[in-house]
PDB file of N, CA and C in Angstrom:
ATOM      1  N   MET A   1       8.479-146.667  52.522  1.00  0.00           N
ATOM      2  CA  MET A   1       9.194-145.814  53.129  1.00  0.00           C
ATOM      3  C   MET A   1       8.400-144.838  54.407  1.00  0.00           C
ATOM      4  N   ALA A   2       9.685-144.892  55.305  1.00  0.00           N
ATOM      5  CA  ALA A   2       8.912-143.884  55.967  1.00  0.00           C
ATOM      6  C   ALA A   2       9.797-142.360  55.936  1.00  0.00           C
ATOM      7  N   VAL A   3       9.341-141.324  56.507  1.00  0.00           N
ATOM      8  CA  VAL A   3       9.259-140.220  56.519  1.00  0.00           C
ATOM      9  C   VAL A   3       9.077-139.401  57.748  1.00  0.00           C
ATOM     10  N   ALA A   4      10.154-138.811  58.172  1.00  0.00           N
ATOM     11  CA  ALA A   4      10.155-138.189  59.385  1.00  0.00           C
ATOM     12  C   ALA A   4      10.879-136.624  59.567  1.00  0.00           C
ATOM     13  N   ALA A   5      10.168-135.652  60.363  1.00  0.00           N
ATOM     14  CA  ALA A   5      11.290-134.235  60.616  1.00  0.00           C
ATOM     15  C   ALA A   5      11.181-134.172  62.069  1.00  0.00           C
ATOM     16  N   ASP A   6      12.428-133.837  62.149  1.00  0.00           N
ATOM     17  CA  ASP A   6      12.658-133.115  63.799  1.00  0.00           C
ATOM     18  C   ASP A   6      13.734-132.565  63.781  1.00  0.00           C
ATOM     19  N   ALA A   7      13.895-131.852  64.603  1.00  0.00           N
ATOM     20  CA  ALA A   7      14.657-130.151  64.631  1.00  0.00           C
ATOM     21  C   ALA A   7      16.307-130.268  63.949  1.00  0.00           C
ATOM     22  N   THR A   8      16.256-131.502  63.681  1.00  0.00           N
ATOM     23  CA  THR A   8      17.827-131.703  62.878  1.00  0.00           C
ATOM     24  C   THR A   8      17.455-131.567  61.215  1.00  0.00           C
ATOM     25  N   GLY A   9      16.315-131.993  60.966  1.00  0.00           N
ATOM     26  CA  GLY A   9      16.005-132.058  59.479  1.00  0.00           C
ATOM     27  C   GLY A   9      14.978-133.591  59.022  1.00  0.00           C
ATOM     28  N   VAL A  10      15.297-133.872  58.059  1.00  0.00           N
ATOM     29  CA  VAL A  10      14.259-135.041  57.775  1.00  0.00           C
ATOM     30  C   VAL A  10      14.958-136.223  57.544  1.00  0.00           C
ATOM     31  N   ARG A  11      14.446-137.231  58.298  1.00  0.00           N
ATOM     32  CA  ARG A  11      15.116-138.775  57.835  1.00  0.00           C
ATOM     33  C   ARG A  11      14.202-139.503  57.190  1.00  0.00           C
ATOM     34  N   VAL A  12      14.743-140.409  56.143  1.00  0.00           N
ATOM     35  CA  VAL A  12      13.638-141.242  55.404  1.00  0.00           C
ATOM     36  C   VAL A  12      14.239-142.470  55.675  1.00  0.00           C
ATOM     37  N   ARG A  13      13.357-143.530  56.031  1.00  0.00           N
ATOM     38  CA  ARG A  13      13.817-144.777  56.289  1.00  0.00           C
ATOM     39  C   ARG A  13      13.099-146.165  55.581  1.00  0.00           C
ATOM     40  N   SER A  14      13.721-147.132  54.800  1.00  0.00           N
ATOM     41  CA  SER A  14      13.311-147.973  54.073  1.00  0.00           C
ATOM     42  C   SER A  14      12.391-148.721  54.868  1.00  0.00           C
ATOM     43  N   THR A  15      11.198-148.969  54.498  1.00  0.00           N
ATOM     44  CA  THR A  15      10.413-150.154  55.447  1.00  0.00           C
ATOM     45  C   THR A  15      10.997-151.520  55.024  1.00  0.00           C
ATOM     46  N   THR A  16      11.421-151.728  54.048  1.00  0.00           N
ATOM     47  CA  THR A  16      11.834-153.222  53.729  1.00  0.00           C
ATOM     48  C   THR A  16      13.578-153.572  54.354  1.00  0.00           C
ATOM     49  N   ALA A  17      14.148-152.437  54.409  1.00  0.00           N
ATOM     50  CA  ALA A  17      15.533-152.911  54.965  1.00  0.00           C
ATOM     51  C   ALA A  17      15.569-151.507  55.977  1.00  0.00           C
ATOM     52  N   GLU A  18      14.942-151.897  57.338  1.00  0.00           N
ATOM     53  CA  GLU A  18      14.897-150.472  58.294  1.00  0.00           C
ATOM     54  C   GLU A  18      16.223-150.154  59.070  1.00  0.00           C
ATOM     55  N   ALA A  19      17.478-150.732  58.822  1.00  0.00           N
ATOM     56  CA  ALA A  19      18.661-149.780  58.848  1.00  0.00           C
ATOM     57  C   ALA A  19      18.773-148.974  58.547  1.00  0.00           C
ATOM     58  N   VAL A  20      18.367-149.034  57.578  1.00  0.00           N
ATOM     59  CA  VAL A  20      18.835-147.682  56.160  1.00  0.00           C
ATOM     60  C   VAL A  20      18.193-146.148  56.431  1.00  0.00           C
ATOM     61  N   VAL A  21      18.649-145.613  57.019  1.00  0.00           N
ATOM     62  CA  VAL A  21      18.059-144.722  57.155  1.00  0.00           C
ATOM     63  C   VAL A  21      18.919-143.332  56.404  1.00  0.00           C
ATOM     64  N   VAL A  22      18.161-142.313  55.690  1.00  0.00           N
ATOM     65  CA  VAL A  22      18.888-141.384  54.989  1.00  0.00           C
ATOM     66  C   VAL A  22      18.661-139.646  55.743  1.00  0.00           C
ATOM     67  N   GLY A  23      19.558-138.892  55.868  1.00  0.00           N
ATOM     68  CA  GLY A  23      19.075-137.843  56.291  1.00  0.00           C
ATOM     69  C   GLY A  23      19.365-136.642  55.472  1.00  0.00           C
ATOM     70  N   PHE A  24      18.475-135.938  55.872  1.00  0.00           N
ATOM     71  CA  PHE A  24      18.887-134.359  55.073  1.00  0.00           C
ATOM     72  C   PHE A  24      18.578-133.205  55.887  1.00  0.00           C
ATOM     73  N   THR A  25      19.182-132.115  55.152  1.00  0.00           N
ATOM     74  CA  THR A  25      18.850-130.910  55.721  1.00  0.00           C
ATOM     75  C   THR A  25      17.540-130.385  55.402  1.00  0.00           C
ATOM     76  N   ASP A  26      16.964-129.406  56.534  1.00  0.00           N
ATOM     77  CA  ASP A  26      15.787-128.950  55.594  1.00  0.00           C
ATOM     78  C   ASP A  26      15.839-127.932  54.687  1.00  0.00           C
ATOM     79  N   ASP A  27      17.017-127.139  53.697  1.00  0.00           N
ATOM     80  CA  ASP A  27      17.391-126.830  52.596  1.00  0.00           C
ATOM     81  C   ASP A  27      17.085-128.033  51.801  1.00  0.00           C
ATOM     82  N   GLU A  28      18.045-129.015  52.063  1.00  0.00           N
ATOM     83  CA  GLU A  28      18.079-130.136  50.971  1.00  0.00           C
ATOM     84  C   GLU A  28      16.505-130.880  50.852  1.00  0.00           C
ATOM     85  N   TRP A  29      15.793-130.914  51.776  1.00  0.00           N
ATOM     86  CA  TRP A  29      14.654-131.757  51.572  1.00  0.00           C
ATOM     87  C   TRP A  29      13.636-130.237  50.525  1.00  0.00           C
ATOM     88  N   SER A  30      13.675-129.312  51.152  1.00  0.00           N
ATOM     89  CA  SER A  30      12.944-128.483  50.413  1.00  0.00           C
ATOM     90  C   SER A  30      13.194-128.233  49.007  1.00  0.00           C
ATOM     91  N   ALA A  31      14.449-128.138  48.845  1.00  0.00           N
ATOM     92  CA  ALA A  31      14.922-128.245  47.522  1.00  0.00           C
ATOM     93  C   ALA A  31      14.024-129.822  46.796  1.00  0.00           C
ATOM     94  N   PHE A  32      14.320-130.799  46.994  1.00  0.00           N
ATOM     95  CA  PHE A  32      13.718-131.906  46.539  1.00  0.00           C
ATOM     96  C   PHE A  32      12.078-131.510  46.252  1.00  0.00           C
ATOM     97  N   VAL A  33      11.524-131.154  47.348  1.00  0.00           N
ATOM     98  CA  VAL A  33       9.827-131.378  46.786  1.00  0.00           C
ATOM     99  C   VAL A  33       9.659-130.147  45.914  1.00  0.00           C
ATOM    100  N   ARG A  34      10.652-128.916  45.838  1.00  0.00           N
ATOM    101  CA  ARG A  34      10.283-127.920  44.570  1.00  0.00           C
ATOM    102  C   ARG A  34      10.969-128.890  43.455  1.00  0.00           C
ATOM    103  N   GLY A  35      11.583-129.435  43.372  1.00  0.00           N
ATOM    104  CA  GLY A  35      11.924-130.337  42.343  1.00  0.00           C
ATOM    105  C   GLY A  35      10.806-131.285  41.970  1.00  0.00           C
ATOM    106  N   VAL A  36      10.146-132.385  42.860  1.00  0.00           N
ATOM    107  CA  VAL A  36       8.889-132.765  42.693  1.00  0.00           C
ATOM    108  C   VAL A  36       7.543-132.004  42.448  1.00  0.00           C
ATOM    109  N   LYS A  37       7.648-130.934  42.573  1.00  0.00           N
ATOM    110  CA  LYS A  37       6.358-130.042  41.783  1.00  0.00           C
ATOM    111  C   LYS A  37       6.501-130.054  40.705  1.00  0.00           C
ATOM    112  N   ASN A  38       7.822-129.382  40.523  1.00  0.00           N
ATOM    113  CA  ASN A  38       8.144-128.724  38.758  1.00  0.00           C
ATOM    114  C   ASN A  38       8.595-129.905  38.302  1.00  0.00           C
ATOM    115  N   GLY A  39       8.119-130.936  38.360  1.00  0.00           N
ATOM    116  CA  GLY A  39       7.914-131.983  37.318  1.00  0.00           C
ATOM    117  C   GLY A  39       9.540-132.828  36.693  1.00  0.00           C
ATOM    118  N   GLU A  40      10.753-132.213  38.218  1.00  0.00           N
ATOM    119  CA  GLU A  40      12.054-132.662  37.699  1.00  0.00           C
ATOM    120  C   GLU A  40      12.299-133.988  37.543  1.00  0.00           C
ATOM    121  N   PHE A  41      11.288-135.197  38.450  1.00  0.00           N
ATOM    122  CA  PHE A  41      11.571-136.056  38.394  1.00  0.00           C
ATOM    123  C   PHE A  41      10.596-137.335  37.425  1.00  0.00           C
ATOM    124  N   ASP A  42       9.805-136.465  36.722  1.00  0.00           N
ATOM    125  CA  ASP A  42       8.679-137.067  36.053  1.00  0.00           C
ATOM    126  C   ASP A  42       9.831-138.042  35.241  1.00  0.00           C
ATOM    127  N   LEU A  43       9.227-139.789  34.493  1.00  0.00           N
ATOM    128  CA  LEU A  43      10.030-140.436  34.407  1.00  0.00           C
ATOM    129  C   LEU A  43       9.757-139.999  32.784  1.00  0.00           C
ATOM    130  N   ASP A  44       9.381-139.212  31.903  1.00  0.00           N
ATOM    131  CA  ASP A  44       9.560-138.736  31.158  1.00  0.00           C
ATOM    132  C   ASP A  44      10.610-138.094  30.982  1.00  0.00           C
ATOM    133  N   ARG A  45      10.779-137.031  31.760  1.00  0.00           N
ATOM    134  CA  ARG A  45      11.919-136.607  31.788  1.00  0.00           C
ATOM    135  C   ARG A  45      12.863-137.381  31.920  1.00  0.00           C
ATOM    136  N   LEU A  46      12.957-137.725  32.825  1.00  0.00           N
ATOM    137  CA  LEU A  46      14.212-138.217  33.343  1.00  0.00           C
ATOM    138  C   LEU A  46      14.911-139.550  32.275  1.00  0.00           C
ATOM    139  N   ARG A  47      13.921-139.878  31.665  1.00  0.00           N
ATOM    140  CA  ARG A  47      14.191-140.790  30.133  1.00  0.00           C
ATOM    141  C   ARG A  47      14.831-140.390  29.282  1.00  0.00           C
ATOM    142  N   GLY A  48      14.671-138.797  29.442  1.00  0.00           N
ATOM    143  CA  GLY A  48      14.653-137.636  28.020  1.00  0.00           C
ATOM    144  C   GLY A  48      14.272-137.953  26.826  1.00  0.00           C
TER     145      GLY A  48
END
């Protein structure tokens, strides 16, 4: 996975399927990072 930021937001690209790029606004990316830091995506939490 490759991550890059520019003036329009953040782009995430697969390193195995390079044509696949997903874009996020700055606010969306910031919310995701906060969730990661808060443990919202920890496996035990996701699996309930």
